[in-house]
């Protein structure tokens, strides 16, 4: 019930039309006193009301009050009280909480079911039983099919014995037998019968790579010595190339020393073996091609360092150049030097303190050469020497250390710069996630534990449980320059 008896209100444009319609002689700006029932039905003015169920005093908007009493004749302050009001109404009218609970209503429902379904309730009828059995069978069939098809990527259609699938790698459709698909899929390789033809061990990516080399130089594919084989041997140059797919070359199929042992074996036979990893070919192909052309002596654009100016680089300019031109990408550096030719950056060399990620501690006067590269498909004759001499003269280091990646290099650059060879490191390992190698430092045990993994397990155990495998490289050659 409403408690408010009178309301003081100032007439505005919104009120004026309503008040005149109920016979009040007012104008805009008048201060008047009215009864609540003289408010418009959509008024937002609050009135004091008492809940007719629980007795609690509330101040709802007038339109909310009207809505409540229109639904049952008296005011309720909450949904709970509204339900109680409905229940009281039914009890008063039917002698039960709901009119369906009355004997009269129950008998009508039974008669209706008997007439329509031949039973006192639909759930007891033959129609319901047949429909329910069919529904359960269909649902079970749909569940099995959906779980089965969820495991199949890029499904186009299904035949009796084959799948028609779409392959992202060659951007086209292919057909594969169901049995062969279920053999290939658990291996984690692309099941495509075009990219990976049946009974053929060479993938489309490796074919592309081999074709690129053979377009530059005359080669011998699948060159063998004893029981060791090289994917591509460049004739007359004693240089071989290996294309390392991430699936078949990870720790699940290859021993930790597989790549370094193969590198050393062919080195003893007088052949430098260069390893190209699948993710580099996928994501850094132009850098890979540029380095290969350089190794094979097939870069025509040549500059001379004496015609270039040395510049100190901003972090942004340094990062952009390194990411575009260096196979390992950018790394934080304190000293970032570049060579510019006619205003264009053509070569970069960077230095920093010894890196913690390599298990080293910083020492006074000891620096590490972190990155050196030229612009893609460009040779800067004397560029490395000019940059390094400038660093030595300007910053006067006691020592400079650096590492040559044995997947690519024999360390010839360091010998030219006056570095001394120290030793070959053990192979480094990376974790393969979504067909990309990630450096191990990102998956240290302390970091994994902080992410919620079991502290009683080793880093390797945690990663294997996650289905993430390592892949090992050929290690590095460590050099030092003593000033």
Protein backbone atom coordinates (compact mmCIF):
# COMPACT_ATOMS: atom_id res chain seq x y z
CA UNK A 1 0.00 0.00 0.00
CA UNK A 2 1.07 3.58 -0.60
CA UNK A 3 1.86 5.66 2.47
CA UNK A 4 2.64 9.02 0.87
CA UNK A 5 -0.42 11.32 1.02
CA UNK A 6 0.87 14.48 -0.63
CA UNK A 7 3.73 15.41 -2.93
CA UNK A 8 5.28 18.86 -3.39
CA UNK A 9 6.41 19.31 -6.96
CA UNK A 10 7.61 22.10 -9.24
CA UNK A 11 5.87 22.04 -12.61
CA UNK A 12 8.15 21.71 -15.65
CA UNK A 13 7.55 21.17 -19.36
CA UNK A 14 7.36 17.40 -18.95
CA UNK A 15 4.60 17.67 -16.28
CA UNK A 16 2.57 20.47 -17.82
CA UNK A 17 0.62 18.52 -20.45
CA UNK A 18 -0.32 15.74 -17.98
CA UNK A 19 -1.47 18.12 -15.24
CA UNK A 20 -3.65 20.10 -17.65
CA UNK A 21 -5.16 16.83 -18.94
CA UNK A 22 -6.40 16.02 -15.41
CA UNK A 23 -7.90 19.49 -14.99
CA UNK A 24 -5.23 21.37 -13.02
CA UNK A 25 -4.78 25.03 -13.89
CA UNK A 26 -1.00 25.34 -13.69
CA UNK A 27 1.88 26.75 -15.65
CA UNK A 28 5.61 25.97 -15.89
CA UNK A 29 7.50 26.94 -12.75
CA UNK A 30 4.51 26.68 -10.37
CA UNK A 31 5.14 24.99 -7.02
CA UNK A 32 2.14 22.74 -6.32
CA UNK A 33 1.01 20.04 -3.87
CA UNK A 34 -0.74 17.00 -5.34
CA UNK A 35 -1.85 13.52 -4.35
CA UNK A 36 0.21 10.54 -5.59
CA UNK A 37 -2.60 9.33 -7.85
CA UNK A 38 -2.38 12.62 -9.75
CA UNK A 39 1.12 11.70 -11.01
CA UNK A 40 1.48 10.38 -14.55
CA UNK A 41 1.72 6.59 -14.93
CA UNK A 42 5.34 6.87 -16.13
CA UNK A 43 6.50 9.20 -13.34
CA UNK A 44 9.96 8.58 -11.83
CA UNK A 45 9.12 10.46 -8.61
CA UNK A 46 9.62 8.21 -5.60
CA UNK A 47 6.77 7.52 -3.16
CA UNK A 48 6.80 5.85 0.23
CA UNK A 49 5.13 2.41 0.21
CA UNK A 50 4.58 -0.47 2.58
CA UNK A 51 5.00 -4.01 1.21
CA UNK A 52 1.67 -5.85 1.48
CA UNK A 53 3.53 -9.16 2.09
CA UNK A 54 6.47 -8.49 4.43
CA UNK A 55 5.47 -5.02 5.71
CA UNK A 56 8.83 -3.40 4.90
CA UNK A 57 8.83 0.32 4.01
CA UNK A 58 10.31 1.14 0.57
CA UNK A 59 10.49 4.21 -1.69
CA UNK A 60 10.01 2.92 -5.26
CA UNK A 61 9.41 5.09 -8.30
CA UNK A 62 5.69 5.72 -8.82
CA UNK A 63 5.67 3.81 -12.12
CA UNK A 64 7.23 0.76 -10.34
CA UNK A 65 4.50 0.98 -7.67
CA UNK A 66 1.77 1.03 -10.34
CA UNK A 67 3.30 -1.95 -12.13
CA UNK A 68 3.23 -3.94 -8.89
CA UNK A 69 -0.37 -3.22 -7.99
CA UNK A 70 -1.50 -3.76 -11.60
CA UNK A 71 -0.15 -7.32 -11.42
CA UNK A 72 -2.14 -8.29 -8.36
CA UNK A 73 -3.84 -5.38 -6.70
CA UNK A 74 -1.28 -4.76 -3.99
CA UNK A 75 2.36 -3.75 -3.65
CA UNK A 76 5.33 -6.12 -3.18
CA UNK A 77 8.86 -4.90 -2.53
CA UNK A 78 10.85 -7.77 -4.09
CA UNK A 79 10.58 -10.82 -6.40
CA UNK A 80 10.49 -13.05 -3.33
CA UNK A 81 7.48 -11.18 -1.94
CA UNK A 82 5.93 -11.25 -5.42
CA UNK A 83 6.16 -15.05 -5.49
CA UNK A 84 4.61 -15.20 -2.01
CA UNK A 85 1.81 -12.90 -3.18
CA UNK A 86 1.12 -15.18 -6.18
CA UNK A 87 1.08 -18.22 -3.93
CA UNK A 88 -1.38 -16.53 -1.52
CA UNK A 89 -3.64 -15.58 -4.44
CA UNK A 90 -3.72 -19.20 -5.72
CA UNK A 91 -4.42 -20.55 -2.20
CA UNK A 92 -7.26 -18.11 -1.78
CA UNK A 93 -8.69 -18.92 -5.21
CA UNK A 94 -7.93 -22.67 -5.65
CA UNK A 95 -7.00 -23.91 -2.16
CA UNK A 96 -3.51 -24.88 -3.48
CA UNK A 97 -0.18 -23.21 -4.27
CA UNK A 98 -0.96 -23.47 -8.00
CA UNK A 99 -4.16 -24.16 -9.90
CA UNK A 100 -2.48 -27.15 -11.61
CA UNK A 101 -2.41 -28.82 -8.19
CA UNK A 102 -6.19 -28.88 -7.89
CA UNK A 103 -8.04 -32.15 -8.49
CA UNK A 104 -10.09 -30.57 -11.25
CA UNK A 105 -6.96 -29.47 -13.13
CA UNK A 106 -5.22 -32.83 -12.63
CA UNK A 107 -8.22 -34.72 -14.05
CA UNK A 108 -8.36 -32.44 -17.10
CA UNK A 109 -4.64 -33.00 -17.81
CA UNK A 110 -5.02 -36.78 -17.51
CA UNK A 111 -8.01 -36.81 -19.86
CA UNK A 112 -6.07 -34.72 -22.37
CA UNK A 113 -3.04 -37.08 -22.29
CA UNK A 114 -5.21 -40.21 -22.64
CA UNK A 115 -7.03 -38.65 -25.59
CA UNK A 116 -3.83 -37.56 -27.39
CA UNK A 117 -1.27 -40.23 -26.42
CA UNK A 118 -3.22 -43.19 -25.01
CA UNK A 119 -1.55 -42.85 -21.58
CA UNK A 120 -2.05 -40.82 -18.39
CA UNK A 121 1.22 -38.92 -19.14
CA UNK A 122 3.25 -38.31 -22.26
CA UNK A 123 6.37 -39.92 -20.70
CA UNK A 124 4.43 -43.21 -20.45
CA UNK A 125 3.26 -43.21 -24.06
CA UNK A 126 4.76 -45.28 -26.90
CA UNK A 127 5.36 -42.10 -28.90
CA UNK A 128 7.56 -40.71 -26.15
CA UNK A 129 9.48 -43.96 -25.68
CA UNK A 130 10.22 -44.24 -29.41
CA UNK A 131 11.22 -40.59 -29.69
CA UNK A 132 13.43 -40.82 -26.61
CA UNK A 133 15.27 -43.92 -27.88
CA UNK A 134 15.86 -42.25 -31.25
CA UNK A 135 16.97 -39.00 -29.59
CA UNK A 136 19.48 -40.82 -27.35
CA UNK A 137 20.88 -42.74 -30.31
CA UNK A 138 21.22 -39.59 -32.42
CA UNK A 139 22.88 -37.68 -29.58
CA UNK A 140 25.35 -40.50 -28.98
CA UNK A 141 26.12 -40.67 -32.70
CA UNK A 142 26.59 -36.86 -32.90
CA UNK A 143 28.86 -36.87 -29.83
CA UNK A 144 31.09 -39.61 -31.25
CA UNK A 145 31.27 -37.90 -34.66
CA UNK A 146 31.97 -34.44 -33.21
CA UNK A 147 34.79 -35.74 -30.97
CA UNK A 148 36.21 -37.67 -33.90
CA UNK A 149 36.01 -34.75 -36.35
CA UNK A 150 37.40 -32.25 -33.82
CA UNK A 151 40.76 -33.99 -34.18
CA UNK A 152 40.80 -33.43 -37.93
CA UNK A 153 41.95 -29.99 -39.08
CA UNK A 154 40.63 -28.38 -42.27
CA UNK A 155 38.17 -31.18 -43.11
CA UNK A 156 36.39 -30.60 -46.42
CA UNK A 157 34.40 -33.82 -46.79
CA UNK A 158 34.33 -37.52 -45.83
CA UNK A 159 33.96 -40.50 -48.16
CA UNK A 160 33.73 -44.18 -47.25
CA UNK A 161 37.49 -44.76 -47.02
CA UNK A 162 39.06 -41.31 -47.46
CA UNK A 163 39.11 -37.75 -46.19
CA UNK A 164 39.26 -34.68 -48.40
CA UNK A 165 41.26 -32.08 -46.47
CA UNK A 166 42.64 -28.60 -47.06
CA UNK A 167 46.40 -28.04 -46.60
CA UNK A 168 47.58 -24.62 -45.42
CA UNK A 169 51.16 -25.25 -46.55
CA UNK A 170 50.45 -25.61 -50.28
CA UNK A 171 47.09 -23.78 -50.05
CA UNK A 172 45.06 -26.52 -51.70
CA UNK A 173 43.02 -29.66 -51.14
CA UNK A 174 44.30 -33.22 -50.95
CA UNK A 175 42.82 -36.70 -50.48
CA UNK A 176 44.14 -39.18 -47.96
CA UNK A 177 43.02 -42.63 -46.85
CA UNK A 178 41.57 -42.76 -43.34
CA UNK A 179 44.07 -45.42 -42.25
CA UNK A 180 47.07 -43.42 -43.53
CA UNK A 181 45.70 -40.25 -41.93
CA UNK A 182 45.47 -41.90 -38.51
CA UNK A 183 49.02 -43.22 -38.97
CA UNK A 184 50.47 -39.81 -39.82
CA UNK A 185 48.45 -37.54 -37.50
CA UNK A 186 49.87 -38.76 -34.13
CA UNK A 187 53.42 -38.14 -35.45
CA UNK A 188 52.77 -34.41 -35.55
CA UNK A 189 53.78 -34.09 -39.21
CA UNK A 190 51.68 -32.58 -41.97
CA UNK A 191 49.55 -35.53 -43.23
CA UNK A 192 49.19 -33.88 -46.66
CA UNK A 193 49.92 -36.41 -49.43
CA UNK A 194 51.08 -33.59 -51.71
CA UNK A 195 53.48 -31.90 -49.28
CA UNK A 196 54.59 -35.33 -48.00
CA UNK A 197 53.98 -37.76 -50.88
CA UNK A 198 53.37 -41.40 -50.00
CA UNK A 199 56.59 -43.47 -49.98
CA UNK A 200 58.68 -40.31 -50.41
CA UNK A 201 60.82 -38.96 -47.57
CA UNK A 202 61.43 -35.43 -48.96
CA UNK A 203 58.86 -32.77 -48.02
CA UNK A 204 57.81 -29.86 -50.20
CA UNK A 205 59.83 -27.47 -48.01
CA UNK A 206 62.97 -29.53 -48.45
CA UNK A 207 62.33 -29.71 -52.20
CA UNK A 208 62.02 -25.91 -52.29
CA UNK A 209 65.29 -25.61 -50.37
CA UNK A 210 67.13 -28.06 -52.64
CA UNK A 211 65.83 -26.30 -55.74
CA UNK A 212 67.06 -22.97 -54.39
CA UNK A 213 70.60 -24.34 -53.92
CA UNK A 214 70.64 -26.10 -57.29
CA UNK A 215 69.56 -22.87 -59.02
CA UNK A 216 72.74 -21.21 -57.70
CA UNK A 217 75.33 -23.98 -58.03
CA UNK A 218 75.65 -27.48 -59.39
CA UNK A 219 74.89 -29.93 -56.58
CA UNK A 220 74.78 -33.60 -55.67
CA UNK A 221 71.64 -34.52 -53.71
CA UNK A 222 71.74 -37.20 -50.99
CA UNK A 223 75.54 -37.37 -51.00
CA UNK A 224 76.77 -40.29 -48.88
CA UNK A 225 80.01 -41.23 -47.12
CA UNK A 226 79.86 -44.55 -45.28
CA UNK A 227 76.47 -44.54 -43.53
CA UNK A 228 76.20 -40.73 -43.36
CA UNK A 229 74.21 -38.71 -45.87
CA UNK A 230 74.07 -35.01 -46.74
CA UNK A 231 70.86 -33.59 -48.21
CA UNK A 232 72.73 -31.36 -50.68
CA UNK A 233 76.47 -31.23 -51.51
CA UNK A 234 77.70 -28.24 -53.52
CA UNK A 235 80.04 -29.65 -56.16
CA UNK A 236 83.60 -28.36 -56.10
CA UNK A 237 83.19 -26.31 -52.90
CA UNK A 238 83.24 -28.94 -50.13
CA UNK A 239 80.12 -27.38 -48.62
CA UNK A 240 77.07 -29.41 -47.70
CA UNK A 241 73.59 -28.40 -46.54
CA UNK A 242 71.20 -30.23 -44.21
CA UNK A 243 67.49 -29.37 -44.01
CA UNK A 244 66.38 -30.19 -40.46
CA UNK A 245 62.63 -30.68 -40.05
CA UNK A 246 61.65 -29.92 -36.44
CA UNK A 247 59.57 -33.07 -35.99
CA UNK A 248 62.00 -35.76 -37.13
CA UNK A 249 65.04 -33.95 -35.73
CA UNK A 250 63.82 -33.41 -32.16
CA UNK A 251 64.93 -35.46 -29.16
CA UNK A 252 62.15 -37.99 -29.70
CA UNK A 253 63.88 -39.27 -32.83
CA UNK A 254 67.46 -37.92 -32.69
CA UNK A 255 70.11 -38.18 -29.99
CA UNK A 256 71.31 -34.97 -28.35
CA UNK A 257 74.63 -35.06 -30.23
CA UNK A 258 73.16 -36.05 -33.60
CA UNK A 259 73.75 -32.72 -35.34
CA UNK A 260 77.16 -32.01 -33.84
CA UNK A 261 78.38 -35.57 -34.54
CA UNK A 262 77.27 -35.26 -38.15
CA UNK A 263 78.95 -31.84 -38.41
CA UNK A 264 82.22 -33.22 -37.03
CA UNK A 265 82.08 -36.36 -39.18
CA UNK A 266 81.90 -34.43 -42.45
CA UNK A 267 84.39 -31.83 -41.19
CA UNK A 268 86.90 -34.67 -40.82
CA UNK A 269 86.09 -35.55 -44.44
CA UNK A 270 86.90 -31.99 -45.48
CA UNK A 271 83.28 -30.84 -45.87
CA UNK A 272 81.70 -27.94 -43.99
CA UNK A 273 78.12 -28.91 -43.10
CA UNK A 274 75.57 -26.12 -42.75
CA UNK A 275 72.28 -26.83 -40.95
CA UNK A 276 69.08 -25.10 -42.05
CA UNK A 277 66.22 -25.52 -39.58
CA UNK A 278 62.63 -25.72 -40.76
CA UNK A 279 61.35 -22.73 -38.75
CA UNK A 280 64.10 -20.49 -40.15
CA UNK A 281 63.12 -21.54 -43.69
CA UNK A 282 59.47 -20.85 -42.84
CA UNK A 283 59.87 -17.53 -41.04
CA UNK A 284 63.28 -16.09 -42.04
CA UNK A 285 63.62 -17.39 -45.57
CA UNK A 286 65.08 -14.22 -47.10
CA UNK A 287 67.79 -14.08 -44.40
CA UNK A 288 68.59 -17.78 -45.00
CA UNK A 289 68.80 -17.25 -48.76
CA UNK A 290 71.03 -14.19 -48.35
CA UNK A 291 73.47 -16.07 -46.09
CA UNK A 292 73.60 -19.02 -48.45
CA UNK A 293 74.29 -16.76 -51.44
CA UNK A 294 77.08 -15.13 -49.42
CA UNK A 295 78.60 -18.50 -48.48
CA UNK A 296 78.48 -19.63 -52.11
CA UNK A 297 79.98 -16.36 -53.34
CA UNK A 298 76.93 -15.35 -55.35
CA UNK A 299 76.21 -11.85 -54.04
CA UNK A 300 76.84 -9.16 -56.63
CA UNK A 301 76.11 -6.02 -54.61
CA UNK A 302 79.44 -5.08 -53.04
CA UNK A 303 80.40 -1.99 -51.03
CA UNK A 304 83.65 -0.88 -49.44
CA UNK A 305 83.84 0.08 -45.79
CA UNK A 306 86.22 2.99 -46.54
CA UNK A 307 83.30 4.71 -48.29
CA UNK A 308 80.98 4.23 -45.29
CA UNK A 309 80.50 6.33 -42.17
CA UNK A 310 80.39 4.89 -38.65
CA UNK A 311 77.29 5.83 -36.65
CA UNK A 312 75.93 5.11 -33.17
CA UNK A 313 72.45 3.58 -33.50
CA UNK A 314 69.28 4.18 -31.53
CA UNK A 315 67.71 1.05 -29.95
CA UNK A 316 64.80 1.19 -32.39
CA UNK A 317 66.94 1.47 -35.52
CA UNK A 318 69.30 -1.23 -34.26
CA UNK A 319 66.46 -3.63 -33.47
CA UNK A 320 64.75 -3.11 -36.83
CA UNK A 321 67.96 -3.76 -38.78
CA UNK A 322 68.97 -6.85 -36.78
CA UNK A 323 65.53 -8.44 -36.92
CA UNK A 324 65.44 -7.93 -40.66
CA UNK A 325 68.98 -9.12 -41.42
CA UNK A 326 70.29 -11.45 -38.66
CA UNK A 327 69.17 -15.10 -38.42
CA UNK A 328 69.08 -15.03 -34.59
CA UNK A 329 67.15 -11.76 -34.35
CA UNK A 330 67.66 -8.86 -31.99
CA UNK A 331 69.31 -8.99 -28.56
CA UNK A 332 69.75 -6.17 -26.05
CA UNK A 333 73.09 -4.42 -26.50
CA UNK A 334 74.83 -1.50 -24.81
CA UNK A 335 76.98 -0.47 -27.78
CA UNK A 336 75.28 -0.42 -31.19
CA UNK A 337 77.49 0.58 -34.12
CA UNK A 338 76.53 0.85 -37.77
CA UNK A 339 77.98 1.67 -41.18
CA UNK A 340 76.05 4.01 -43.44
CA UNK A 341 76.57 4.32 -47.17
CA UNK A 342 75.03 7.43 -48.73
CA UNK A 343 72.69 7.70 -45.72
CA UNK A 344 71.58 4.05 -45.79
CA UNK A 345 72.44 1.62 -42.99
CA UNK A 346 74.31 -1.35 -44.52
CA UNK A 347 76.12 -3.06 -41.61
CA UNK A 348 75.70 -3.37 -37.82
CA UNK A 349 77.85 -4.68 -34.96
CA UNK A 350 76.78 -4.66 -31.30
CA UNK A 351 78.43 -5.28 -27.94
CA UNK A 352 77.33 -5.84 -24.37
CA UNK A 353 78.48 -7.23 -21.05
CA UNK A 354 78.73 -11.02 -20.65
CA UNK A 355 75.26 -12.56 -20.72
CA UNK A 356 73.60 -14.22 -17.74
CA UNK A 357 71.57 -16.45 -20.11
CA UNK A 358 74.84 -18.15 -21.08
CA UNK A 359 75.79 -18.72 -17.46
CA UNK A 360 78.34 -15.89 -17.40
CA UNK A 361 79.05 -13.18 -14.84
CA UNK A 362 79.86 -9.62 -15.82
CA UNK A 363 83.53 -8.59 -15.49
CA UNK A 364 85.11 -5.16 -15.62
CA UNK A 365 86.62 -4.51 -19.04
CA UNK A 366 85.23 -7.73 -20.56
CA UNK A 367 82.72 -7.37 -23.39
CA UNK A 368 80.88 -9.71 -25.69
CA UNK A 369 80.36 -9.14 -29.40
CA UNK A 370 76.68 -9.95 -29.67
CA UNK A 371 75.67 -9.43 -33.29
CA UNK A 372 77.20 -8.65 -36.65
CA UNK A 373 75.44 -8.65 -40.00
CA UNK A 374 75.22 -6.82 -43.29
CA UNK A 375 72.14 -5.76 -45.15
CA UNK A 376 70.51 -8.66 -47.03
CA UNK A 377 72.27 -9.64 -50.26
CA UNK A 378 75.04 -7.10 -49.61
CA UNK A 379 78.79 -7.50 -49.02
CA UNK A 380 80.56 -4.69 -47.18
CA UNK A 381 84.25 -5.34 -47.77
CA UNK A 382 86.18 -4.51 -44.59
CA UNK A 383 82.97 -3.62 -42.74
CA UNK A 384 83.44 -5.92 -39.75
CA UNK A 385 87.07 -4.83 -39.35
CA UNK A 386 86.20 -1.13 -39.46
CA UNK A 387 83.43 -1.47 -36.86
CA UNK A 388 85.50 -3.68 -34.55
CA UNK A 389 88.57 -1.40 -34.67
CA UNK A 390 86.35 1.58 -33.85
CA UNK A 391 84.97 -0.27 -30.82
CA UNK A 392 88.46 -1.21 -29.58
CA UNK A 393 89.78 2.33 -30.04
CA UNK A 394 86.76 4.05 -28.47
CA UNK A 395 85.86 1.75 -25.58
CA UNK A 396 89.29 0.19 -24.86
CA UNK A 397 88.09 -3.26 -23.69
CA UNK A 398 90.40 -5.62 -21.85
CA UNK A 399 88.81 -8.63 -23.57
CA UNK A 400 86.08 -9.30 -26.09
CA UNK A 401 84.46 -12.73 -26.32
CA UNK A 402 82.09 -14.01 -28.98
CA UNK A 403 80.49 -17.18 -30.28
CA UNK A 404 80.25 -18.57 -33.81
CA UNK A 405 77.18 -20.72 -34.46
CA UNK A 406 78.48 -24.02 -35.84
CA UNK A 407 75.22 -24.57 -37.71
CA UNK A 408 76.44 -21.81 -40.03
CA UNK A 409 80.01 -20.79 -39.37
CA UNK A 410 83.56 -22.10 -39.05
CA UNK A 411 84.61 -18.86 -37.31
CA UNK A 412 86.57 -17.38 -40.22
CA UNK A 413 85.37 -13.85 -39.42
CA UNK A 414 86.83 -14.00 -35.91
CA UNK A 415 90.21 -15.15 -37.22
CA UNK A 416 90.31 -12.13 -39.55
CA UNK A 417 89.51 -9.80 -36.65
CA UNK A 418 92.33 -11.20 -34.51
CA UNK A 419 90.30 -13.35 -32.14
CA UNK A 420 91.80 -16.46 -30.55
CA UNK A 421 89.85 -19.74 -30.63
CA UNK A 422 89.15 -21.14 -27.14
CA UNK A 423 86.94 -24.22 -27.48
CA UNK A 424 83.80 -25.76 -28.97
CA UNK A 425 80.76 -25.58 -26.69
CA UNK A 426 78.27 -28.37 -26.11
CA UNK A 427 75.10 -28.34 -28.24
CA UNK A 428 72.44 -25.86 -27.18
CA UNK A 429 68.84 -26.97 -27.01
CA UNK A 430 65.57 -25.28 -27.85
CA UNK A 431 61.93 -26.20 -27.18
CA UNK A 432 59.60 -26.68 -30.15
CA UNK A 433 56.23 -24.96 -29.73
CA UNK A 434 53.87 -24.45 -32.68
CA UNK A 435 56.65 -25.38 -35.13
CA UNK A 436 59.04 -22.71 -33.80
CA UNK A 437 62.19 -23.16 -31.69
CA UNK A 438 62.28 -21.22 -28.42
CA UNK A 439 65.50 -20.76 -26.44
CA UNK A 440 65.72 -22.79 -23.24
CA UNK A 441 66.19 -19.73 -20.97
CA UNK A 442 62.48 -19.00 -21.30
CA UNK A 443 61.68 -22.39 -19.71
CA UNK A 444 63.95 -22.51 -16.66
CA UNK A 445 62.66 -24.62 -13.79
CA UNK A 446 62.24 -21.63 -11.47
CA UNK A 447 60.08 -19.91 -14.09
CA UNK A 448 58.00 -23.07 -14.68
CA UNK A 449 57.47 -23.50 -10.92
CA UNK A 450 56.36 -19.86 -10.62
CA UNK A 451 53.75 -20.67 -13.30
CA UNK A 452 52.32 -23.44 -11.12
CA UNK A 453 54.16 -26.58 -12.30
CA UNK A 454 55.36 -29.31 -9.92
CA UNK A 455 58.54 -28.15 -8.07
CA UNK A 456 59.53 -31.78 -7.47
CA UNK A 457 60.01 -32.39 -11.19
CA UNK A 458 62.87 -31.31 -13.41
CA UNK A 459 62.53 -28.80 -16.24
CA UNK A 460 62.71 -31.61 -18.80
CA UNK A 461 60.09 -33.75 -17.00
CA UNK A 462 57.68 -30.79 -16.86
CA UNK A 463 58.13 -30.01 -20.56
CA UNK A 464 57.79 -33.65 -21.64
CA UNK A 465 54.54 -33.94 -19.68
CA UNK A 466 53.32 -30.95 -21.68
CA UNK A 467 54.24 -32.76 -24.90
CA UNK A 468 57.00 -30.24 -25.71
CA UNK A 469 60.28 -31.67 -27.03
CA UNK A 470 63.81 -30.34 -27.28
CA UNK A 471 65.89 -30.00 -30.41
CA UNK A 472 69.68 -29.72 -30.19
CA UNK A 473 71.97 -27.73 -32.48
CA UNK A 474 75.65 -28.21 -33.34
CA UNK A 475 76.98 -26.03 -30.54
CA UNK A 476 79.19 -22.94 -30.95
CA UNK A 477 82.85 -22.01 -31.27
CA UNK A 478 83.99 -19.63 -28.51
CA UNK A 479 86.55 -16.94 -29.32
CA UNK A 480 88.36 -14.23 -27.32
CA UNK A 481 90.12 -11.04 -28.34
CA UNK A 482 92.68 -9.82 -25.83
CA UNK A 483 93.55 -6.15 -26.15
